[in-house]
Amino acid sequence: MLIAVMDMGAPPPVWLLAPFLLLIVSIALGPPLIPRIWERRYPLVSFTSALVVAGYYLLIRKNSAPLVATLEEYTSFISLIGSLYVVSGGIRIGVAGASTPIQNVGFLALGALLANLLGTTGAAMLLIRPWIRMNRYRITGHHIVFFIFIIANVGGCLTPIGDPPLFLGYLRGVPFLWTLQHLWGAWLFVVALILTVFYFFDRANFSRAPIDIQKKETEHESFQIEGWKNLIPLGVILVAVMSRAWGVPWFVSDGMMIVSALASHRLTSPSIHQSNEFTFGPLKEVAWLFLGIFTTLVPVIHVLNASSHNAGQLSPLQYYWMTGTLSSFLDNAPTYLTFLTLALNLHEPALHLFHPSEVAQFSIENPANLIAISLGAVFFGAATYIGNGPNLMIKSIAESSKIHMPSFFGYIVRFTLPILIPILGLAGWIFIR
């Protein structure tokens, strides 16, 4: 996120934070309270929120640089998540028989590993439909929430490809293997604990499902993969992502993703799209809402950058909780860069230039702070539907498949606070304190 490392001058007035807060409250309360109105009006709500912020920077500050940077970042974001959504929609992974709790645990564990190769977005888009299908006869919201926890977030912290914050760190100079070397212990601990909790949830759910329904719903299924040819555009998308680290302009890499998605959609058999219940509805929702989120985030990041200069020395545990708390609501990528910038400025001697060699030096000389920032950004992205890009997309796909999902606050109250936060707090105490 370019705006996280820009010098934008004096902070904006406090009232300019209101569009972001109102948008988040609308996302949280609109669907459960006024679902029909929200379904028709959410593009207008998001666009209006973005327009207020854009008007301030263009007409009052006369500074278009943050908006241009945000537009670039939003274009790259929607190109990636949209192309992966379209291409994965052309791949159908069949599953054999009813999925037991142990099989579900194995599936999520494999998904956590795959997230480090395809990225959390790629793995989530590829696996969410077979995950729904293999649990169709007994699926509830907890299946989707734990999928978000593990495959869309926590699982992807072993490589820079795994999660956007880590990839941004890699682009800025963090060595490629640094994440695997320093984060694997916390990754294994947190994934194992979340899977353990999920197993007990799922065992109770499994015991309530009648055996005859289990057999009837799944006896026609067999393991198979259709749409193999879409692995080619999927590979092109991954190459396009990595090409940013090789100096390829963003519009070239984004163009590669868009062309790959168009080719995939055109060449995919309609029967596969029908079997996957593929529609553009979830992508439309994410595109509109994140247009507002990205734009209204500009003054929030502006205030954070301006106030960070007044911060004293922070401990690794403070970096962990501060990065994590903000990553839960502000999107974890800009939050990661904001606190990485702060840590570089507070380093002795200060590293102000943000040059790749300085970031590499920081990762070697002060790994504790970078570990805390990295884990806080990746792990806490699972805390809300807006903490990481794939979360809201997964929720939309699940709801389009008629799965009852917890509301924005229901997700936090039922799953984040009683399950995720205690696990992440324990991980911070063991690995960071």
Protein backbone atom coordinates (compact mmCIF):
# COMPACT_ATOMS: atom_id res chain seq x y z
CA MET A 1 0.00 0.00 0.00
CA LEU A 2 1.75 3.12 -1.23
CA ILE A 3 -0.16 5.56 0.98
CA ALA A 4 1.22 3.85 4.09
CA VAL A 5 4.71 5.14 3.27
CA MET A 6 3.77 8.53 1.78
CA ASP A 7 4.41 11.86 3.49
CA MET A 8 1.00 13.53 3.15
CA GLY A 9 1.68 16.51 5.38
CA ALA A 10 -0.50 17.67 8.27
CA PRO A 11 -3.26 15.25 9.28
CA PRO A 12 -6.82 15.84 8.05
CA PRO A 13 -9.65 17.01 10.36
CA VAL A 14 -11.11 14.38 12.64
CA TRP A 15 -14.51 14.53 10.93
CA LEU A 16 -12.97 13.01 7.79
CA LEU A 17 -12.68 9.70 9.67
CA ALA A 18 -16.48 9.57 9.80
CA PRO A 19 -17.00 8.12 6.27
CA PHE A 20 -14.86 5.08 7.14
CA LEU A 21 -16.63 4.54 10.47
CA LEU A 22 -20.08 4.99 8.92
CA LEU A 23 -19.23 2.57 6.11
CA ILE A 24 -18.07 -0.08 8.58
CA VAL A 25 -21.20 0.39 10.69
CA SER A 26 -23.33 0.13 7.53
CA ILE A 27 -21.61 -3.12 6.52
CA ALA A 28 -22.20 -4.45 10.02
CA LEU A 29 -25.83 -3.39 10.51
CA GLY A 30 -27.23 -3.09 6.99
CA PRO A 31 -27.57 -6.80 6.08
CA PRO A 32 -29.29 -7.95 9.32
CA LEU A 33 -31.51 -4.89 9.90
CA ILE A 34 -32.55 -3.79 6.40
CA PRO A 35 -31.48 -6.65 4.08
CA ARG A 36 -33.60 -5.70 1.07
CA ILE A 37 -32.69 -2.02 1.17
CA TRP A 38 -29.03 -2.87 1.75
CA GLU A 39 -28.97 -5.26 -1.19
CA ARG A 40 -30.15 -2.48 -3.50
CA ARG A 41 -28.30 0.47 -1.96
CA TYR A 42 -24.89 -0.76 -0.77
CA PRO A 43 -23.13 0.46 -3.96
CA LEU A 44 -24.54 3.95 -3.31
CA VAL A 45 -23.47 3.87 0.36
CA SER A 46 -19.93 2.82 -0.55
CA PHE A 47 -19.61 5.29 -3.44
CA THR A 48 -20.95 8.22 -1.39
CA SER A 49 -18.50 7.49 1.44
CA ALA A 50 -15.63 7.41 -1.05
CA LEU A 51 -16.84 10.60 -2.72
CA VAL A 52 -16.67 12.58 0.54
CA VAL A 53 -13.02 11.64 1.10
CA ALA A 54 -12.07 12.15 -2.55
CA GLY A 55 -13.72 15.58 -2.56
CA TYR A 56 -11.76 16.66 0.50
CA TYR A 57 -8.35 15.70 -0.92
CA LEU A 58 -9.10 17.04 -4.41
CA LEU A 59 -10.96 20.25 -3.61
CA ILE A 60 -9.71 21.30 -0.17
CA ARG A 61 -6.22 19.79 0.12
CA LYS A 62 -5.65 19.93 -3.66
CA ASN A 63 -3.53 16.80 -3.27
CA SER A 64 -4.46 13.99 -5.60
CA ALA A 65 -1.40 11.82 -4.85
CA PRO A 66 -3.02 9.72 -2.06
CA LEU A 67 -6.09 9.11 -4.20
CA VAL A 68 -4.02 8.10 -7.23
CA ALA A 69 -2.00 5.70 -5.06
CA THR A 70 -5.21 4.29 -3.59
CA LEU A 71 -6.73 3.82 -7.04
CA GLU A 72 -3.64 1.88 -8.10
CA GLU A 73 -3.85 -0.29 -4.99
CA TYR A 74 -7.58 -0.89 -5.40
CA THR A 75 -7.11 -1.82 -9.07
CA SER A 76 -4.41 -4.32 -8.15
CA PHE A 77 -6.55 -5.71 -5.32
CA ILE A 78 -9.68 -6.22 -7.40
CA SER A 79 -7.64 -7.57 -10.34
CA LEU A 80 -6.12 -10.22 -8.10
CA ILE A 81 -9.16 -11.24 -6.13
CA GLY A 82 -11.45 -10.98 -9.17
CA SER A 83 -9.23 -13.01 -11.49
CA LEU A 84 -8.75 -15.72 -8.86
CA TYR A 85 -12.49 -15.81 -8.27
CA VAL A 86 -13.25 -16.23 -11.97
CA VAL A 87 -10.52 -18.81 -12.64
CA SER A 88 -11.30 -20.88 -9.53
CA GLY A 89 -14.96 -20.82 -10.58
CA GLY A 90 -13.89 -22.80 -13.67
CA ILE A 91 -12.29 -25.58 -11.61
CA ARG A 92 -14.58 -28.13 -10.00
CA ILE A 93 -13.14 -30.37 -7.33
CA GLY A 94 -15.46 -33.29 -6.63
CA VAL A 95 -15.41 -34.93 -3.21
CA ALA A 96 -15.98 -38.56 -2.33
CA GLY A 97 -18.67 -39.31 0.24
CA ALA A 98 -19.69 -37.58 3.43
CA SER A 99 -16.93 -35.61 5.09
CA THR A 100 -16.16 -36.61 8.66
CA PRO A 101 -14.67 -34.26 11.26
CA ILE A 102 -11.23 -35.85 10.82
CA GLN A 103 -11.44 -35.46 7.03
CA ASN A 104 -12.47 -31.82 7.49
CA VAL A 105 -9.50 -31.21 9.76
CA GLY A 106 -7.19 -32.74 7.15
CA PHE A 107 -8.74 -30.61 4.42
CA LEU A 108 -8.23 -27.40 6.39
CA ALA A 109 -4.65 -28.39 7.28
CA LEU A 110 -3.83 -29.00 3.61
CA GLY A 111 -5.49 -25.69 2.77
CA ALA A 112 -3.23 -23.94 5.29
CA LEU A 113 -0.19 -25.35 3.49
CA LEU A 114 -1.60 -24.53 0.05
CA ALA A 115 -2.21 -20.92 1.14
CA ASN A 116 1.56 -20.43 1.21
CA LEU A 117 1.86 -21.51 -2.42
CA LEU A 118 -1.24 -19.89 -3.94
CA GLY A 119 -1.74 -17.12 -1.41
CA THR A 120 -4.65 -17.00 1.01
CA THR A 121 -6.88 -15.49 -1.69
CA GLY A 122 -5.96 -18.12 -4.29
CA ALA A 123 -6.33 -21.05 -1.89
CA ALA A 124 -9.60 -19.71 -0.50
CA MET A 125 -11.17 -19.16 -3.92
CA LEU A 126 -10.05 -22.61 -5.12
CA LEU A 127 -11.18 -24.55 -2.04
CA ILE A 128 -14.32 -22.80 -0.77
CA ARG A 129 -16.68 -24.49 -3.22
CA PRO A 130 -15.44 -28.06 -2.60
CA TRP A 131 -15.49 -27.27 1.12
CA ILE A 132 -19.16 -26.31 0.87
CA ARG A 133 -19.91 -29.33 -1.30
CA MET A 134 -18.24 -31.89 0.95
CA ASN A 135 -20.21 -30.61 3.95
CA ARG A 136 -23.42 -29.77 2.12
CA TYR A 137 -25.64 -32.16 4.10
CA ARG A 138 -24.74 -30.55 7.46
CA ILE A 139 -23.00 -27.26 6.75
CA THR A 140 -23.39 -24.35 9.16
CA GLY A 141 -21.76 -20.96 9.60
CA HIS A 142 -18.99 -22.42 11.76
CA HIS A 143 -17.63 -24.35 8.76
CA ILE A 144 -17.21 -21.10 6.84
CA VAL A 145 -15.81 -19.13 9.78
CA PHE A 146 -13.08 -21.68 10.52
CA PHE A 147 -12.32 -21.82 6.80
CA ILE A 148 -11.78 -18.04 6.96
CA PHE A 149 -9.64 -18.37 10.08
CA ILE A 150 -7.27 -20.97 8.64
CA ILE A 151 -7.18 -20.91 4.84
CA ALA A 152 -7.99 -17.25 4.21
CA ASN A 153 -5.71 -15.86 6.93
CA VAL A 154 -3.59 -17.72 9.50
CA GLY A 155 -2.41 -20.40 7.08
CA GLY A 156 -0.57 -17.99 4.79
CA CYS A 157 2.23 -16.69 7.00
CA LEU A 158 5.09 -18.97 5.90
CA THR A 159 5.95 -17.31 2.58
CA PRO A 160 5.63 -13.79 1.12
CA ILE A 161 3.18 -15.24 -1.40
CA GLY A 162 0.92 -16.33 1.43
CA ASP A 163 -0.63 -13.04 2.50
CA PRO A 164 -0.60 -9.48 1.07
CA PRO A 165 1.18 -7.85 4.06
CA LEU A 166 4.07 -10.29 3.81
CA PHE A 167 4.31 -9.78 0.06
CA LEU A 168 4.50 -6.03 0.61
CA GLY A 169 7.30 -6.64 3.10
CA TYR A 170 9.10 -8.75 0.51
CA LEU A 171 8.73 -5.98 -2.08
CA ARG A 172 10.21 -3.55 0.44
CA GLY A 173 13.27 -5.73 1.16
CA VAL A 174 12.41 -8.50 3.66
CA PRO A 175 14.28 -11.64 2.45
CA PHE A 176 12.05 -14.28 0.83
CA LEU A 177 12.85 -17.05 3.32
CA TRP A 178 12.68 -14.77 6.37
CA THR A 179 9.01 -15.58 7.03
CA LEU A 180 9.55 -19.35 6.95
CA GLN A 181 12.59 -19.07 9.18
CA HIS A 182 10.99 -16.88 11.85
CA LEU A 183 7.23 -17.54 11.74
CA TRP A 184 6.86 -21.31 11.38
CA GLY A 185 6.62 -21.98 15.14
CA ALA A 186 3.78 -19.53 15.72
CA TRP A 187 2.08 -20.73 12.52
CA LEU A 188 2.14 -24.37 13.62
CA PHE A 189 0.95 -23.51 17.12
CA VAL A 190 -1.99 -21.33 16.04
CA VAL A 191 -3.10 -23.59 13.18
CA ALA A 192 -3.01 -26.63 15.48
CA LEU A 193 -5.06 -24.92 18.20
CA ILE A 194 -7.68 -23.61 15.77
CA LEU A 195 -7.98 -27.04 14.16
CA THR A 196 -8.39 -28.63 17.58
CA VAL A 197 -11.24 -26.28 18.49
CA PHE A 198 -12.81 -26.83 15.08
CA TYR A 199 -12.68 -30.61 15.53
CA PHE A 200 -14.84 -30.45 18.67
CA PHE A 201 -17.28 -28.06 16.99
CA ASP A 202 -17.51 -30.30 13.96
CA ARG A 203 -17.79 -33.55 15.90
CA ALA A 204 -20.86 -32.19 17.70
CA ASN A 205 -22.32 -31.07 14.37
CA PHE A 206 -21.56 -34.44 12.75
CA SER A 207 -23.23 -36.37 15.56
CA ARG A 208 -26.50 -34.50 15.00
CA ALA A 209 -26.70 -35.29 11.25
CA PRO A 210 -28.83 -38.38 10.46
CA ILE A 211 -26.81 -41.16 8.81
CA ASP A 212 -29.36 -41.71 6.05
CA ILE A 213 -29.13 -38.02 5.04
CA GLN A 214 -25.33 -38.22 5.05
CA LYS A 215 -25.39 -41.13 2.61
CA LYS A 216 -28.18 -39.75 0.41
CA GLU A 217 -26.55 -36.36 -0.01
CA THR A 218 -23.10 -37.65 -0.90
CA GLU A 219 -23.35 -41.13 -2.38
CA HIS A 220 -23.33 -39.79 -5.95
CA GLU A 221 -20.11 -37.84 -5.40
CA SER A 222 -16.65 -39.10 -6.33
CA PHE A 223 -13.26 -37.45 -6.19
CA GLN A 224 -12.53 -35.74 -9.49
CA ILE A 225 -11.15 -32.49 -10.83
CA GLU A 226 -12.80 -30.84 -13.81
CA GLY A 227 -11.51 -27.80 -15.64
CA TRP A 228 -7.82 -28.74 -15.58
CA LYS A 229 -7.08 -26.22 -18.34
CA ASN A 230 -7.79 -23.41 -15.86
CA LEU A 231 -4.59 -24.32 -14.04
CA ILE A 232 -2.80 -22.47 -16.86
CA PRO A 233 -4.44 -19.05 -16.23
CA LEU A 234 -4.07 -19.73 -12.50
CA GLY A 235 -0.33 -20.13 -13.05
CA VAL A 236 -0.25 -16.94 -15.13
CA ILE A 237 -1.91 -15.04 -12.27
CA LEU A 238 0.70 -16.28 -9.78
CA VAL A 239 3.48 -15.26 -12.18
CA ALA A 240 1.83 -11.84 -12.53
CA VAL A 241 1.82 -11.44 -8.73
CA MET A 242 5.50 -12.37 -8.45
CA SER A 243 6.41 -10.12 -11.38
CA ARG A 244 5.83 -7.06 -9.17
CA ALA A 245 8.96 -8.08 -7.25
CA TRP A 246 10.89 -8.19 -10.54
CA GLY A 247 10.10 -4.56 -11.35
CA VAL A 248 7.22 -5.16 -13.77
CA PRO A 249 4.81 -2.15 -13.76
CA TRP A 250 1.59 -2.71 -11.84
CA PHE A 251 -0.63 -2.15 -14.88
CA VAL A 252 1.20 -4.89 -16.79
CA SER A 253 0.78 -7.46 -14.01
CA ASP A 254 -2.86 -6.44 -13.48
CA GLY A 255 -3.46 -6.71 -17.22
CA MET A 256 -2.07 -10.26 -17.17
CA MET A 257 -4.54 -11.17 -14.43
CA ILE A 258 -7.52 -9.64 -16.23
CA VAL A 259 -6.69 -11.32 -19.54
CA SER A 260 -6.26 -14.65 -17.74
CA ALA A 261 -9.67 -14.28 -16.11
CA LEU A 262 -11.38 -13.36 -19.39
CA ALA A 263 -9.79 -16.32 -21.17
CA SER A 264 -10.75 -18.69 -18.36
CA HIS A 265 -14.37 -17.56 -18.28
CA ARG A 266 -14.73 -17.83 -22.04
CA LEU A 267 -13.15 -21.29 -22.30
CA THR A 268 -14.79 -22.88 -19.25
CA SER A 269 -17.68 -25.23 -19.89
CA PRO A 270 -21.04 -23.81 -18.72
CA SER A 271 -21.71 -27.11 -16.95
CA ILE A 272 -18.76 -26.48 -14.61
CA HIS A 273 -19.99 -22.99 -13.81
CA GLN A 274 -23.43 -24.42 -13.16
CA SER A 275 -22.06 -27.15 -10.87
CA ASN A 276 -20.06 -24.54 -8.95
CA GLU A 277 -23.13 -22.26 -8.75
CA PHE A 278 -20.89 -19.57 -10.22
CA THR A 279 -22.24 -16.02 -10.46
CA PHE A 280 -20.65 -12.59 -10.43
CA GLY A 281 -22.76 -11.49 -7.45
CA PRO A 282 -20.10 -12.02 -4.73
CA LEU A 283 -17.45 -10.28 -6.85
CA LYS A 284 -19.75 -7.32 -7.46
CA GLU A 285 -20.39 -6.92 -3.73
CA VAL A 286 -16.70 -7.07 -2.82
CA ALA A 287 -15.74 -4.67 -5.63
CA TRP A 288 -18.24 -2.01 -4.52
CA LEU A 289 -17.62 -2.29 -0.79
CA PHE A 290 -13.84 -2.30 -1.03
CA LEU A 291 -13.94 0.73 -3.33
CA GLY A 292 -15.38 2.59 -0.37
CA ILE A 293 -13.09 0.93 2.17
CA PHE A 294 -9.90 1.67 0.22
CA THR A 295 -10.86 5.31 -0.34
CA THR A 296 -12.09 6.06 3.17
CA LEU A 297 -8.95 4.42 4.55
CA VAL A 298 -6.83 7.29 3.13
CA PRO A 299 -7.48 9.75 5.99
CA VAL A 300 -7.24 6.94 8.56
CA ILE A 301 -3.76 5.96 7.33
CA HIS A 302 -2.92 9.69 7.06
CA VAL A 303 -3.75 10.19 10.76
CA LEU A 304 -1.85 7.06 11.77
CA ASN A 305 1.25 8.17 9.89
CA ALA A 306 1.11 11.66 11.37
CA SER A 307 0.60 10.42 14.95
CA SER A 308 3.27 7.72 14.69
CA HIS A 309 6.00 10.36 14.87
CA ASN A 310 4.99 11.04 18.47
CA ALA A 311 5.27 7.40 19.52
CA GLY A 312 7.95 6.28 21.95
CA GLN A 313 9.79 3.00 21.84
CA LEU A 314 7.40 0.04 21.61
CA SER A 315 7.91 -3.53 22.74
CA PRO A 316 7.34 -6.44 20.33
CA LEU A 317 4.16 -7.36 22.21
CA GLN A 318 2.85 -3.81 21.77
CA TYR A 319 3.60 -3.99 18.04
CA TYR A 320 1.76 -7.32 17.89
CA TRP A 321 -1.43 -6.09 19.56
CA MET A 322 -1.46 -2.68 17.89
CA THR A 323 -0.90 -4.13 14.43
CA GLY A 324 -3.40 -6.88 15.13
CA THR A 325 -6.13 -4.59 16.46
CA LEU A 326 -5.93 -2.24 13.50
CA SER A 327 -5.58 -5.12 11.01
CA SER A 328 -8.93 -6.41 12.20
CA PHE A 329 -10.74 -3.34 10.89
CA LEU A 330 -8.42 -1.37 8.58
CA ASP A 331 -7.27 -4.13 6.20
CA ASN A 332 -4.03 -5.79 7.20
CA ALA A 333 -1.84 -4.69 4.27
CA PRO A 334 -1.70 -0.91 4.95
CA THR A 335 -1.57 -1.60 8.69
CA TYR A 336 1.52 -3.77 8.20
CA LEU A 337 3.28 -1.03 6.25
CA THR A 338 2.26 1.65 8.73
CA PHE A 339 3.84 -0.16 11.67
CA LEU A 340 6.84 -1.29 9.64
CA THR A 341 7.45 2.37 8.81
CA LEU A 342 7.08 3.28 12.48
CA ALA A 343 9.51 0.54 13.54
CA LEU A 344 12.07 1.68 10.96
CA ASN A 345 11.82 5.27 12.21
CA LEU A 346 12.24 4.16 15.83
CA HIS A 347 15.18 1.91 15.03
CA GLU A 348 18.54 3.09 16.37
CA PRO A 349 19.98 4.49 14.21
CA ALA A 350 16.75 5.50 12.45
CA LEU A 351 16.14 4.03 8.98
CA HIS A 352 14.14 6.73 7.18
CA LEU A 353 14.69 5.92 3.54
CA PHE A 354 12.67 2.69 3.39
CA HIS A 355 15.27 1.35 0.97
CA PRO A 356 15.23 -2.45 0.49
CA SER A 357 18.72 -2.72 1.95
CA GLU A 358 17.56 -0.90 5.09
CA VAL A 359 14.52 -3.13 5.46
CA ALA A 360 16.71 -6.21 5.03
CA GLN A 361 19.09 -4.81 7.65
CA PHE A 362 16.16 -4.21 10.02
CA SER A 363 14.85 -7.77 9.54
CA ILE A 364 18.26 -9.13 10.62
CA GLU A 365 19.07 -6.70 13.44
CA ASN A 366 15.61 -6.45 14.97
CA PRO A 367 13.66 -9.59 14.03
CA ALA A 368 11.48 -9.52 17.17
CA ASN A 369 9.63 -6.37 16.12
CA LEU A 370 9.17 -7.55 12.53
CA ILE A 371 7.91 -10.94 13.76
CA ALA A 372 5.36 -9.14 15.93
CA ILE A 373 4.20 -6.89 13.08
CA SER A 374 4.02 -9.78 10.61
CA LEU A 375 2.07 -12.11 12.90
CA GLY A 376 -0.24 -9.32 14.03
CA ALA A 377 -1.11 -8.39 10.45
CA VAL A 378 -1.64 -11.95 9.18
CA PHE A 379 -3.32 -13.56 12.18
CA PHE A 380 -5.69 -10.75 13.12
CA GLY A 381 -6.87 -10.33 9.54
CA ALA A 382 -9.24 -13.17 10.46
CA ALA A 383 -10.90 -11.18 13.26
CA THR A 384 -13.61 -9.55 11.09
CA TYR A 385 -15.09 -9.88 7.63
CA ILE A 386 -13.08 -6.85 6.46
CA GLY A 387 -9.71 -7.71 8.00
CA ASN A 388 -8.47 -9.38 4.82
CA GLY A 389 -9.70 -9.28 1.23
CA PRO A 390 -10.89 -12.91 0.88
CA ASN A 391 -13.04 -12.85 4.03
CA LEU A 392 -15.94 -10.86 2.61
CA MET A 393 -15.73 -12.78 -0.67
CA ILE A 394 -16.02 -16.11 1.16
CA LYS A 395 -19.01 -14.81 3.13
CA SER A 396 -20.70 -13.72 -0.09
CA ILE A 397 -20.06 -17.08 -1.78
CA ALA A 398 -21.45 -18.91 1.24
CA GLU A 399 -24.57 -16.76 1.34
CA SER A 400 -25.11 -17.23 -2.39
CA SER A 401 -25.11 -20.98 -1.60
CA LYS A 402 -27.92 -20.39 0.94
CA ILE A 403 -25.69 -20.87 3.99
CA HIS A 404 -26.75 -18.85 7.02
CA MET A 405 -23.74 -16.78 8.03
CA PRO A 406 -23.22 -14.85 11.28
CA SER A 407 -23.63 -11.11 11.03
CA PHE A 408 -20.65 -8.75 11.25
CA PHE A 409 -20.96 -8.46 15.03
CA GLY A 410 -22.18 -12.05 15.37
CA TYR A 411 -18.92 -13.21 13.79
CA ILE A 412 -16.94 -11.19 16.35
CA VAL A 413 -19.02 -12.14 19.40
CA ARG A 414 -19.47 -15.86 18.63
CA PHE A 415 -16.11 -16.72 17.11
CA THR A 416 -13.47 -13.97 17.27
CA LEU A 417 -13.68 -13.03 20.94
CA PRO A 418 -14.21 -16.47 22.53
CA ILE A 419 -12.01 -18.52 20.16
CA LEU A 420 -9.59 -16.57 17.99
CA ILE A 421 -8.45 -13.85 20.41
CA PRO A 422 -7.54 -16.23 23.29
CA ILE A 423 -5.52 -18.38 20.87
CA LEU A 424 -3.73 -15.38 19.39
CA GLY A 425 -3.15 -13.92 22.85
CA LEU A 426 -1.54 -17.17 23.99
CA ALA A 427 0.59 -17.26 20.83
CA GLY A 428 1.74 -13.70 21.47
CA TRP A 429 2.64 -14.51 25.08
CA ILE A 430 4.66 -17.60 24.04
CA PHE A 431 6.35 -16.46 20.82
CA ILE A 432 6.63 -12.68 21.16
CA ARG A 433 6.74 -11.76 24.83
